């Protein structure tokens, strides 16, 4: 993976900043639009952007997750490229999608994409597939810093065609664990409807960002979301995502320890 990291870093016109930030327009459709390599790689995330998003939207996310040892690559609305790129990356290999990027990630998983897990956020319930209708910034996030990012030309792109979430029969074929985040106050896609839609995924963990809006990875609770992601990734690395790495010591157990 270290060899791949150097190759991908050098193939694009990048701007370097704090936290080993690399982003720019790529010369190859199979290469990420942005890359945050980890110093000591514990795994790899390939992030697929949502409606109207460019790689700069995920700079904060990439810096934070890569600081914990997970290389983060961003693909602009191209889940197929993300799935192809991550095949040779360091495991665990996790596909990540936000908004319509979540739909695309779910679709490639139903088609047998090589991945060890997936993380989705703000899964859309009903989308205009021509991509013309995009959520307003105020519907996406209440984080003032992220609102500032969304207001820049570097963060936004013209509408492109998007795809809906696969149907329940296809979702039932997904063979890897999926961690999903959804805002409790999301008006773009109601959490009750998203939950019902995702219920067909066999191994699903759905977390609500309390009072959160549509961009669950970049809303006011972004620190707690990132922490939850790292905990989930560490469980995935252990071989069983359902077994906690850290757990609460229950009252009865504390009493037993005290008696020793």
C-alpha atoms as a PDB file:
ATOM      1  CA  UNK A   1       0.000   0.000   0.000  1.00  0.00           C
ATOM      2  CA  UNK A   2       2.841   2.382   0.679  1.00  0.00           C
ATOM      3  CA  UNK A   3       3.927   1.981  -2.929  1.00  0.00           C
ATOM      4  CA  UNK A   4       0.373   2.686  -4.112  1.00  0.00           C
ATOM      5  CA  UNK A   5       0.188   5.731  -1.854  1.00  0.00           C
ATOM      6  CA  UNK A   6       3.285   7.277  -3.370  1.00  0.00           C
ATOM      7  CA  UNK A   7       2.116   6.552  -6.883  1.00  0.00           C
ATOM      8  CA  UNK A   8      -1.337   8.038  -6.379  1.00  0.00           C
ATOM      9  CA  UNK A   9       0.047  11.100  -4.596  1.00  0.00           C
ATOM     10  CA  UNK A  10       2.315  11.904  -7.500  1.00  0.00           C
ATOM     11  CA  UNK A  11      -0.171  11.525 -10.334  1.00  0.00           C
ATOM     12  CA  UNK A  12      -2.311  14.560  -9.645  1.00  0.00           C
ATOM     13  CA  UNK A  13      -1.972  18.286  -9.447  1.00  0.00           C
ATOM     14  CA  UNK A  14      -2.173  18.640  -5.693  1.00  0.00           C
ATOM     15  CA  UNK A  15      -2.163  21.363  -3.117  1.00  0.00           C
ATOM     16  CA  UNK A  16      -0.428  20.437   0.098  1.00  0.00           C
ATOM     17  CA  UNK A  17      -1.497  21.825   3.447  1.00  0.00           C
ATOM     18  CA  UNK A  18      -1.892  20.822   7.061  1.00  0.00           C
ATOM     19  CA  UNK A  19      -2.240  17.140   7.847  1.00  0.00           C
ATOM     20  CA  UNK A  20      -0.661  15.813   4.634  1.00  0.00           C
ATOM     21  CA  UNK A  21      -3.531  17.061   2.513  1.00  0.00           C
ATOM     22  CA  UNK A  22      -3.426  16.136  -1.167  1.00  0.00           C
ATOM     23  CA  UNK A  23      -6.237  17.069  -3.481  1.00  0.00           C
ATOM     24  CA  UNK A  24      -6.832  18.165  -7.042  1.00  0.00           C
ATOM     25  CA  UNK A  25      -8.280  17.041 -10.334  1.00  0.00           C
ATOM     26  CA  UNK A  26      -6.915  13.632 -11.270  1.00  0.00           C
ATOM     27  CA  UNK A  27      -5.508  12.559 -14.626  1.00  0.00           C
ATOM     28  CA  UNK A  28      -6.915   9.017 -14.318  1.00  0.00           C
ATOM     29  CA  UNK A  29     -10.509   7.989 -13.701  1.00  0.00           C
ATOM     30  CA  UNK A  30      -9.257   5.114 -11.513  1.00  0.00           C
ATOM     31  CA  UNK A  31      -7.214   7.357  -9.192  1.00  0.00           C
ATOM     32  CA  UNK A  32      -8.587   9.277  -6.205  1.00  0.00           C
ATOM     33  CA  UNK A  33      -9.301  12.985  -6.433  1.00  0.00           C
ATOM     34  CA  UNK A  34      -7.790  13.344  -2.959  1.00  0.00           C
ATOM     35  CA  UNK A  35      -5.587  11.197  -0.743  1.00  0.00           C
ATOM     36  CA  UNK A  36      -4.638  11.372   2.921  1.00  0.00           C
ATOM     37  CA  UNK A  37      -2.082   8.580   3.524  1.00  0.00           C
ATOM     38  CA  UNK A  38      -1.594   7.218   7.022  1.00  0.00           C
ATOM     39  CA  UNK A  39       1.916   7.099   8.475  1.00  0.00           C
ATOM     40  CA  UNK A  40       1.395   3.524   9.676  1.00  0.00           C
ATOM     41  CA  UNK A  41      -1.462   2.004   7.745  1.00  0.00           C
ATOM     42  CA  UNK A  42      -4.099   0.111   9.740  1.00  0.00           C
ATOM     43  CA  UNK A  43      -6.602  -0.017   6.872  1.00  0.00           C
ATOM     44  CA  UNK A  44      -7.977   1.901   3.912  1.00  0.00           C
ATOM     45  CA  UNK A  45     -11.113   3.927   3.246  1.00  0.00           C
ATOM     46  CA  UNK A  46     -12.319   4.896  -0.242  1.00  0.00           C
ATOM     47  CA  UNK A  47     -14.916   7.664   0.045  1.00  0.00           C
ATOM     48  CA  UNK A  48     -17.496   8.336  -2.683  1.00  0.00           C
ATOM     49  CA  UNK A  49     -18.891  11.870  -2.674  1.00  0.00           C
ATOM     50  CA  UNK A  50     -22.550  12.826  -2.916  1.00  0.00           C
ATOM     51  CA  UNK A  51     -24.530  15.301  -4.991  1.00  0.00           C
ATOM     52  CA  UNK A  52     -22.558  18.350  -6.063  1.00  0.00           C
ATOM     53  CA  UNK A  53     -19.581  17.506  -3.851  1.00  0.00           C
ATOM     54  CA  UNK A  54     -15.906  17.671  -4.702  1.00  0.00           C
ATOM     55  CA  UNK A  55     -13.025  16.219  -2.723  1.00  0.00           C
ATOM     56  CA  UNK A  56     -12.419  19.376  -0.652  1.00  0.00           C
ATOM     57  CA  UNK A  57     -15.660  18.673   1.239  1.00  0.00           C
ATOM     58  CA  UNK A  58     -13.897  15.749   2.957  1.00  0.00           C
ATOM     59  CA  UNK A  59     -10.588  17.383   3.872  1.00  0.00           C
ATOM     60  CA  UNK A  60     -11.392  17.505   7.596  1.00  0.00           C
ATOM     61  CA  UNK A  61     -12.657  13.913   7.527  1.00  0.00           C
ATOM     62  CA  UNK A  62      -9.585  12.695   5.653  1.00  0.00           C
ATOM     63  CA  UNK A  63      -7.162  14.396   8.014  1.00  0.00           C
ATOM     64  CA  UNK A  64      -8.897  13.090  11.133  1.00  0.00           C
ATOM     65  CA  UNK A  65      -9.288   9.445  10.077  1.00  0.00           C
ATOM     66  CA  UNK A  66      -5.797   9.227   8.542  1.00  0.00           C
ATOM     67  CA  UNK A  67      -4.334  10.519  11.823  1.00  0.00           C
ATOM     68  CA  UNK A  68      -5.649   7.313  13.410  1.00  0.00           C
ATOM     69  CA  UNK A  69      -3.847   5.120  10.886  1.00  0.00           C
ATOM     70  CA  UNK A  70      -6.389   4.689   8.093  1.00  0.00           C
ATOM     71  CA  UNK A  71      -5.526   5.925   4.617  1.00  0.00           C
ATOM     72  CA  UNK A  72      -8.414   7.934   3.150  1.00  0.00           C
ATOM     73  CA  UNK A  73      -8.968   8.348  -0.593  1.00  0.00           C
ATOM     74  CA  UNK A  74     -11.762  10.437  -2.109  1.00  0.00           C
ATOM     75  CA  UNK A  75     -13.544   9.609  -5.366  1.00  0.00           C
ATOM     76  CA  UNK A  76     -15.865  12.188  -6.853  1.00  0.00           C
ATOM     77  CA  UNK A  77     -19.198  10.430  -7.495  1.00  0.00           C
ATOM     78  CA  UNK A  78     -17.496   7.296  -8.845  1.00  0.00           C
ATOM     79  CA  UNK A  79     -18.079   4.178  -6.767  1.00  0.00           C
ATOM     80  CA  UNK A  80     -16.804   1.898  -9.526  1.00  0.00           C
ATOM     81  CA  UNK A  81     -13.420   3.633  -9.507  1.00  0.00           C
ATOM     82  CA  UNK A  82     -13.358   3.511  -5.707  1.00  0.00           C
ATOM     83  CA  UNK A  83     -14.111  -0.220  -5.715  1.00  0.00           C
ATOM     84  CA  UNK A  84     -11.428  -0.911  -8.326  1.00  0.00           C
ATOM     85  CA  UNK A  85      -8.809   1.149  -6.487  1.00  0.00           C
ATOM     86  CA  UNK A  86      -9.415  -0.383  -3.074  1.00  0.00           C
ATOM     87  CA  UNK A  87      -9.011  -3.967  -4.309  1.00  0.00           C
ATOM     88  CA  UNK A  88      -5.222  -3.803  -3.852  1.00  0.00           C
ATOM     89  CA  UNK A  89      -5.215  -1.541  -0.783  1.00  0.00           C
ATOM     90  CA  UNK A  90      -4.299  -2.494   2.772  1.00  0.00           C
ATOM     91  CA  UNK A  91      -7.033  -4.340   4.655  1.00  0.00           C
ATOM     92  CA  UNK A  92      -9.443  -3.822   6.115  1.00  0.00           C
ATOM     93  CA  UNK A  93     -10.737  -2.185   2.939  1.00  0.00           C
ATOM     94  CA  UNK A  94     -13.816  -0.054   3.534  1.00  0.00           C
ATOM     95  CA  UNK A  95     -16.008   1.712   0.992  1.00  0.00           C
ATOM     96  CA  UNK A  96     -17.579   4.925   2.297  1.00  0.00           C
ATOM     97  CA  UNK A  97     -20.404   6.921   0.757  1.00  0.00           C
ATOM     98  CA  UNK A  98     -22.370   9.996   1.746  1.00  0.00           C
ATOM     99  CA  UNK A  99     -25.726  11.041   0.276  1.00  0.00           C
ATOM    100  CA  UNK A 100     -25.948   9.584  -3.256  1.00  0.00           C
ATOM    101  CA  UNK A 101     -22.421   8.265  -2.715  1.00  0.00           C
ATOM    102  CA  UNK A 102     -24.062   5.919  -0.204  1.00  0.00           C
ATOM    103  CA  UNK A 103     -26.426   4.671  -2.915  1.00  0.00           C
ATOM    104  CA  UNK A 104     -23.492   4.002  -5.230  1.00  0.00           C
ATOM    105  CA  UNK A 105     -21.501   2.183  -2.547  1.00  0.00           C
ATOM    106  CA  UNK A 106     -24.473  -0.034  -1.768  1.00  0.00           C
ATOM    107  CA  UNK A 107     -24.870  -0.779  -5.479  1.00  0.00           C
ATOM    108  CA  UNK A 108     -21.253  -1.914  -5.992  1.00  0.00           C
ATOM    109  CA  UNK A 109     -21.525  -4.071  -2.868  1.00  0.00           C
ATOM    110  CA  UNK A 110     -24.562  -5.827  -4.320  1.00  0.00           C
ATOM    111  CA  UNK A 111     -22.435  -6.472  -7.401  1.00  0.00           C
ATOM    112  CA  UNK A 112     -19.734  -8.192  -5.347  1.00  0.00           C
ATOM    113  CA  UNK A 113     -17.182  -5.400  -4.932  1.00  0.00           C
ATOM    114  CA  UNK A 114     -14.049  -6.442  -3.045  1.00  0.00           C
ATOM    115  CA  UNK A 115     -14.349  -4.826   0.383  1.00  0.00           C
ATOM    116  CA  UNK A 116     -14.274  -5.851   4.023  1.00  0.00           C
ATOM    117  CA  UNK A 117     -16.962  -3.416   5.099  1.00  0.00           C
ATOM    118  CA  UNK A 118     -18.787  -0.215   4.264  1.00  0.00           C
ATOM    119  CA  UNK A 119     -19.730   3.052   5.945  1.00  0.00           C
ATOM    120  CA  UNK A 120     -22.657   5.088   4.628  1.00  0.00           C
ATOM    121  CA  UNK A 121     -24.113   8.405   5.754  1.00  0.00           C
ATOM    122  CA  UNK A 122     -27.237  10.350   4.871  1.00  0.00           C
ATOM    123  CA  UNK A 123     -28.597   7.598   2.654  1.00  0.00           C
ATOM    124  CA  UNK A 124     -31.077   9.208   0.240  1.00  0.00           C
ATOM    125  CA  UNK A 125     -34.609   7.866   0.165  1.00  0.00           C
ATOM    126  CA  UNK A 126     -35.997   9.462  -2.982  1.00  0.00           C
ATOM    127  CA  UNK A 127     -33.683  11.230  -5.428  1.00  0.00           C
ATOM    128  CA  UNK A 128     -33.998  12.920  -8.791  1.00  0.00           C
ATOM    129  CA  UNK A 129     -31.671  10.711 -10.825  1.00  0.00           C
ATOM    130  CA  UNK A 130     -30.587  13.540 -13.131  1.00  0.00           C
ATOM    131  CA  UNK A 131     -28.926  15.129 -10.100  1.00  0.00           C
ATOM    132  CA  UNK A 132     -30.491  18.539 -10.703  1.00  0.00           C
ATOM    133  CA  UNK A 133     -32.108  18.762  -7.272  1.00  0.00           C
ATOM    134  CA  UNK A 134     -29.498  19.185  -4.545  1.00  0.00           C
ATOM    135  CA  UNK A 135     -30.015  19.769  -0.813  1.00  0.00           C
ATOM    136  CA  UNK A 136     -29.604  23.341   0.385  1.00  0.00           C
ATOM    137  CA  UNK A 137     -26.529  23.968   2.507  1.00  0.00           C
ATOM    138  CA  UNK A 138     -28.695  24.686   5.561  1.00  0.00           C
ATOM    139  CA  UNK A 139     -30.343  21.275   5.133  1.00  0.00           C
ATOM    140  CA  UNK A 140     -26.977  19.571   4.983  1.00  0.00           C
ATOM    141  CA  UNK A 141     -25.161  20.831   8.056  1.00  0.00           C
ATOM    142  CA  UNK A 142     -25.370  23.110  11.073  1.00  0.00           C
ATOM    143  CA  UNK A 143     -21.584  23.182  11.475  1.00  0.00           C
ATOM    144  CA  UNK A 144     -20.428  26.755  10.751  1.00  0.00           C
ATOM    145  CA  UNK A 145     -17.012  25.631   9.504  1.00  0.00           C
ATOM    146  CA  UNK A 146     -18.527  23.124   7.116  1.00  0.00           C
ATOM    147  CA  UNK A 147     -21.033  25.695   5.873  1.00  0.00           C
ATOM    148  CA  UNK A 148     -18.028  27.839   4.993  1.00  0.00           C
ATOM    149  CA  UNK A 149     -16.472  24.957   3.055  1.00  0.00           C
ATOM    150  CA  UNK A 150     -19.704  24.340   1.133  1.00  0.00           C
ATOM    151  CA  UNK A 151     -19.755  27.991   0.143  1.00  0.00           C
ATOM    152  CA  UNK A 152     -16.485  27.720  -1.825  1.00  0.00           C
ATOM    153  CA  UNK A 153     -16.165  26.897  -5.521  1.00  0.00           C
ATOM    154  CA  UNK A 154     -13.514  24.318  -4.659  1.00  0.00           C
ATOM    155  CA  UNK A 155     -16.064  22.226  -2.768  1.00  0.00           C
ATOM    156  CA  UNK A 156     -18.916  22.143  -5.259  1.00  0.00           C
ATOM    157  CA  UNK A 157     -19.458  20.849  -8.762  1.00  0.00           C
ATOM    158  CA  UNK A 158     -22.201  20.961 -11.362  1.00  0.00           C
ATOM    159  CA  UNK A 159     -25.042  18.422 -11.041  1.00  0.00           C
ATOM    160  CA  UNK A 160     -24.314  14.954 -12.391  1.00  0.00           C
ATOM    161  CA  UNK A 161     -26.564  11.941 -12.836  1.00  0.00           C
ATOM    162  CA  UNK A 162     -27.056   9.951  -9.622  1.00  0.00           C
ATOM    163  CA  UNK A 163     -28.497   6.556  -8.786  1.00  0.00           C
ATOM    164  CA  UNK A 164     -31.116   5.426  -6.282  1.00  0.00           C
ATOM    165  CA  UNK A 165     -30.538   2.952  -3.477  1.00  0.00           C
ATOM    166  CA  UNK A 166     -30.758  -0.664  -4.731  1.00  0.00           C
ATOM    167  CA  UNK A 167     -33.981  -2.502  -3.976  1.00  0.00           C
ATOM    168  CA  UNK A 168     -34.426  -4.700  -0.915  1.00  0.00           C
ATOM    169  CA  UNK A 169     -33.715  -7.962  -2.746  1.00  0.00           C
ATOM    170  CA  UNK A 170     -30.334  -6.648  -3.898  1.00  0.00           C
ATOM    171  CA  UNK A 171     -29.486  -5.117  -0.521  1.00  0.00           C
ATOM    172  CA  UNK A 172     -30.099  -8.524   1.068  1.00  0.00           C
ATOM    173  CA  UNK A 173     -27.161  -9.895  -0.929  1.00  0.00           C
ATOM    174  CA  UNK A 174     -24.576  -7.601   0.693  1.00  0.00           C
ATOM    175  CA  UNK A 175     -22.082  -9.889   2.420  1.00  0.00           C
ATOM    176  CA  UNK A 176     -20.050  -7.393   4.496  1.00  0.00           C
ATOM    177  CA  UNK A 177     -20.873  -5.389   7.627  1.00  0.00           C
ATOM    178  CA  UNK A 178     -22.283  -1.917   7.005  1.00  0.00           C
ATOM    179  CA  UNK A 179     -22.079   0.991   9.457  1.00  0.00           C
ATOM    180  CA  UNK A 180     -24.687   3.659   8.694  1.00  0.00           C
ATOM    181  CA  UNK A 181     -25.095   7.171  10.104  1.00  0.00           C
ATOM    182  CA  UNK A 182     -28.212   9.266   9.707  1.00  0.00           C
ATOM    183  CA  UNK A 183     -29.257  12.602  11.126  1.00  0.00           C
ATOM    184  CA  UNK A 184     -32.209  12.509  13.496  1.00  0.00           C
ATOM    185  CA  UNK A 185     -33.377  15.870  12.116  1.00  0.00           C
ATOM    186  CA  UNK A 186     -32.520  15.147   8.480  1.00  0.00           C
ATOM    187  CA  UNK A 187     -35.253  16.701   6.307  1.00  0.00           C
ATOM    188  CA  UNK A 188     -33.589  15.629   3.038  1.00  0.00           C
ATOM    189  CA  UNK A 189     -34.135  11.951   3.881  1.00  0.00           C
ATOM    190  CA  UNK A 190     -36.164  11.162   6.980  1.00  0.00           C
ATOM    191  CA  UNK A 191     -34.402   8.762   9.322  1.00  0.00           C
ATOM    192  CA  UNK A 192     -37.515   6.593   9.682  1.00  0.00           C
ATOM    193  CA  UNK A 193     -37.684   6.107   5.908  1.00  0.00           C
ATOM    194  CA  UNK A 194     -33.928   5.544   5.567  1.00  0.00           C
ATOM    195  CA  UNK A 195     -34.019   2.988   8.381  1.00  0.00           C
ATOM    196  CA  UNK A 196     -36.849   1.090   6.716  1.00  0.00           C
ATOM    197  CA  UNK A 197     -34.969   1.144   3.412  1.00  0.00           C
ATOM    198  CA  UNK A 198     -31.698  -0.115   4.925  1.00  0.00           C
ATOM    199  CA  UNK A 199     -33.367  -2.791   7.021  1.00  0.00           C
ATOM    200  CA  UNK A 200     -32.779  -5.260   4.186  1.00  0.00           C
ATOM    201  CA  UNK A 201     -28.987  -5.116   4.674  1.00  0.00           C
ATOM    202  CA  UNK A 202     -28.140  -8.321   6.606  1.00  0.00           C
ATOM    203  CA  UNK A 203     -25.333  -6.945   8.794  1.00  0.00           C
ATOM    204  CA  UNK A 204     -26.275  -3.320   9.511  1.00  0.00           C
ATOM    205  CA  UNK A 205     -25.405  -1.051  12.406  1.00  0.00           C
ATOM    206  CA  UNK A 206     -27.402   2.189  12.159  1.00  0.00           C
ATOM    207  CA  UNK A 207     -26.384   5.133  14.346  1.00  0.00           C
ATOM    208  CA  UNK A 208     -28.454   8.295  14.706  1.00  0.00           C
ATOM    209  CA  UNK A 209     -26.716  11.635  15.029  1.00  0.00           C
ATOM    210  CA  UNK A 210     -29.053  13.195  17.579  1.00  0.00           C
ATOM    211  CA  UNK A 211     -30.559  16.367  16.159  1.00  0.00           C
ATOM    212  CA  UNK A 212     -28.250  15.974  13.180  1.00  0.00           C
ATOM    213  CA  UNK A 213     -28.789  17.020   9.565  1.00  0.00           C
ATOM    214  CA  UNK A 214     -28.056  15.315   6.249  1.00  0.00           C
ATOM    215  CA  UNK A 215     -24.230  15.484   6.061  1.00  0.00           C
ATOM    216  CA  UNK A 216     -23.659  13.158   9.007  1.00  0.00           C
ATOM    217  CA  UNK A 217     -19.895  12.969   8.390  1.00  0.00           C
ATOM    218  CA  UNK A 218     -19.569  16.754   8.444  1.00  0.00           C
ATOM    219  CA  UNK A 219     -22.297  17.999  10.766  1.00  0.00           C
ATOM    220  CA  UNK A 220     -21.880  19.466  14.258  1.00  0.00           C
ATOM    221  CA  UNK A 221     -21.308  15.980  15.697  1.00  0.00           C
ATOM    222  CA  UNK A 222     -18.443  15.235  13.272  1.00  0.00           C
ATOM    223  CA  UNK A 223     -15.999  14.482  16.112  1.00  0.00           C
ATOM    224  CA  UNK A 224     -18.310  11.904  17.702  1.00  0.00           C
ATOM    225  CA  UNK A 225     -19.049  10.387  14.297  1.00  0.00           C
ATOM    226  CA  UNK A 226     -15.329  10.100  13.524  1.00  0.00           C
ATOM    227  CA  UNK A 227     -14.713   8.497  16.926  1.00  0.00           C
ATOM    228  CA  UNK A 228     -17.512   5.989  16.280  1.00  0.00           C
ATOM    229  CA  UNK A 229     -15.983   5.186  12.896  1.00  0.00           C
ATOM    230  CA  UNK A 230     -12.553   4.519  14.393  1.00  0.00           C
ATOM    231  CA  UNK A 231     -14.045   2.237  17.054  1.00  0.00           C
ATOM    232  CA  UNK A 232     -15.923   0.330  14.351  1.00  0.00           C
ATOM    233  CA  UNK A 233     -12.779   0.082  12.189  1.00  0.00           C
ATOM    234  CA  UNK A 234     -10.796  -1.295  15.112  1.00  0.00           C
ATOM    235  CA  UNK A 235     -13.476  -3.942  15.683  1.00  0.00           C
ATOM    236  CA  UNK A 236     -13.398  -4.764  11.978  1.00  0.00           C
ATOM    237  CA  UNK A 237      -9.599  -5.184  12.169  1.00  0.00           C
ATOM    238  CA  UNK A 238      -9.994  -7.602  15.074  1.00  0.00           C
ATOM    239  CA  UNK A 239     -11.844 -10.060  12.850  1.00  0.00           C
ATOM    240  CA  UNK A 240     -15.332  -9.715  14.367  1.00  0.00           C
ATOM    241  CA  UNK A 241     -16.992  -6.332  14.070  1.00  0.00           C
ATOM    242  CA  UNK A 242     -19.572  -7.359  16.670  1.00  0.00           C
ATOM    243  CA  UNK A 243     -17.050  -7.904  19.468  1.00  0.00           C
ATOM    244  CA  UNK A 244     -16.156  -4.640  21.254  1.00  0.00           C
ATOM    245  CA  UNK A 245     -12.540  -3.643  21.733  1.00  0.00           C
ATOM    246  CA  UNK A 246     -13.503  -1.565  24.770  1.00  0.00           C
ATOM    247  CA  UNK A 247     -16.618  -2.237  26.813  1.00  0.00           C
ATOM    248  CA  UNK A 248     -18.331  -0.943  29.941  1.00  0.00           C
ATOM    249  CA  UNK A 249     -17.642  -2.894  33.128  1.00  0.00           C
ATOM    250  CA  UNK A 250     -21.111  -3.590  34.470  1.00  0.00           C
ATOM    251  CA  UNK A 251     -22.048  -3.019  38.095  1.00  0.00           C
ATOM    252  CA  UNK A 252     -22.040  -6.726  38.987  1.00  0.00           C
ATOM    253  CA  UNK A 253     -18.616  -7.140  37.405  1.00  0.00           C
ATOM    254  CA  UNK A 254     -17.293  -4.119  39.317  1.00  0.00           C
ATOM    255  CA  UNK A 255     -18.509  -5.665  42.547  1.00  0.00           C
ATOM    256  CA  UNK A 256     -16.726  -8.933  41.728  1.00  0.00           C
ATOM    257  CA  UNK A 257     -13.488  -7.045  41.022  1.00  0.00           C
ATOM    258  CA  UNK A 258     -13.824  -5.157  44.296  1.00  0.00           C
ATOM    259  CA  UNK A 259     -14.192  -8.433  46.226  1.00  0.00           C
ATOM    260  CA  UNK A 260     -10.962  -9.862  44.841  1.00  0.00           C
END
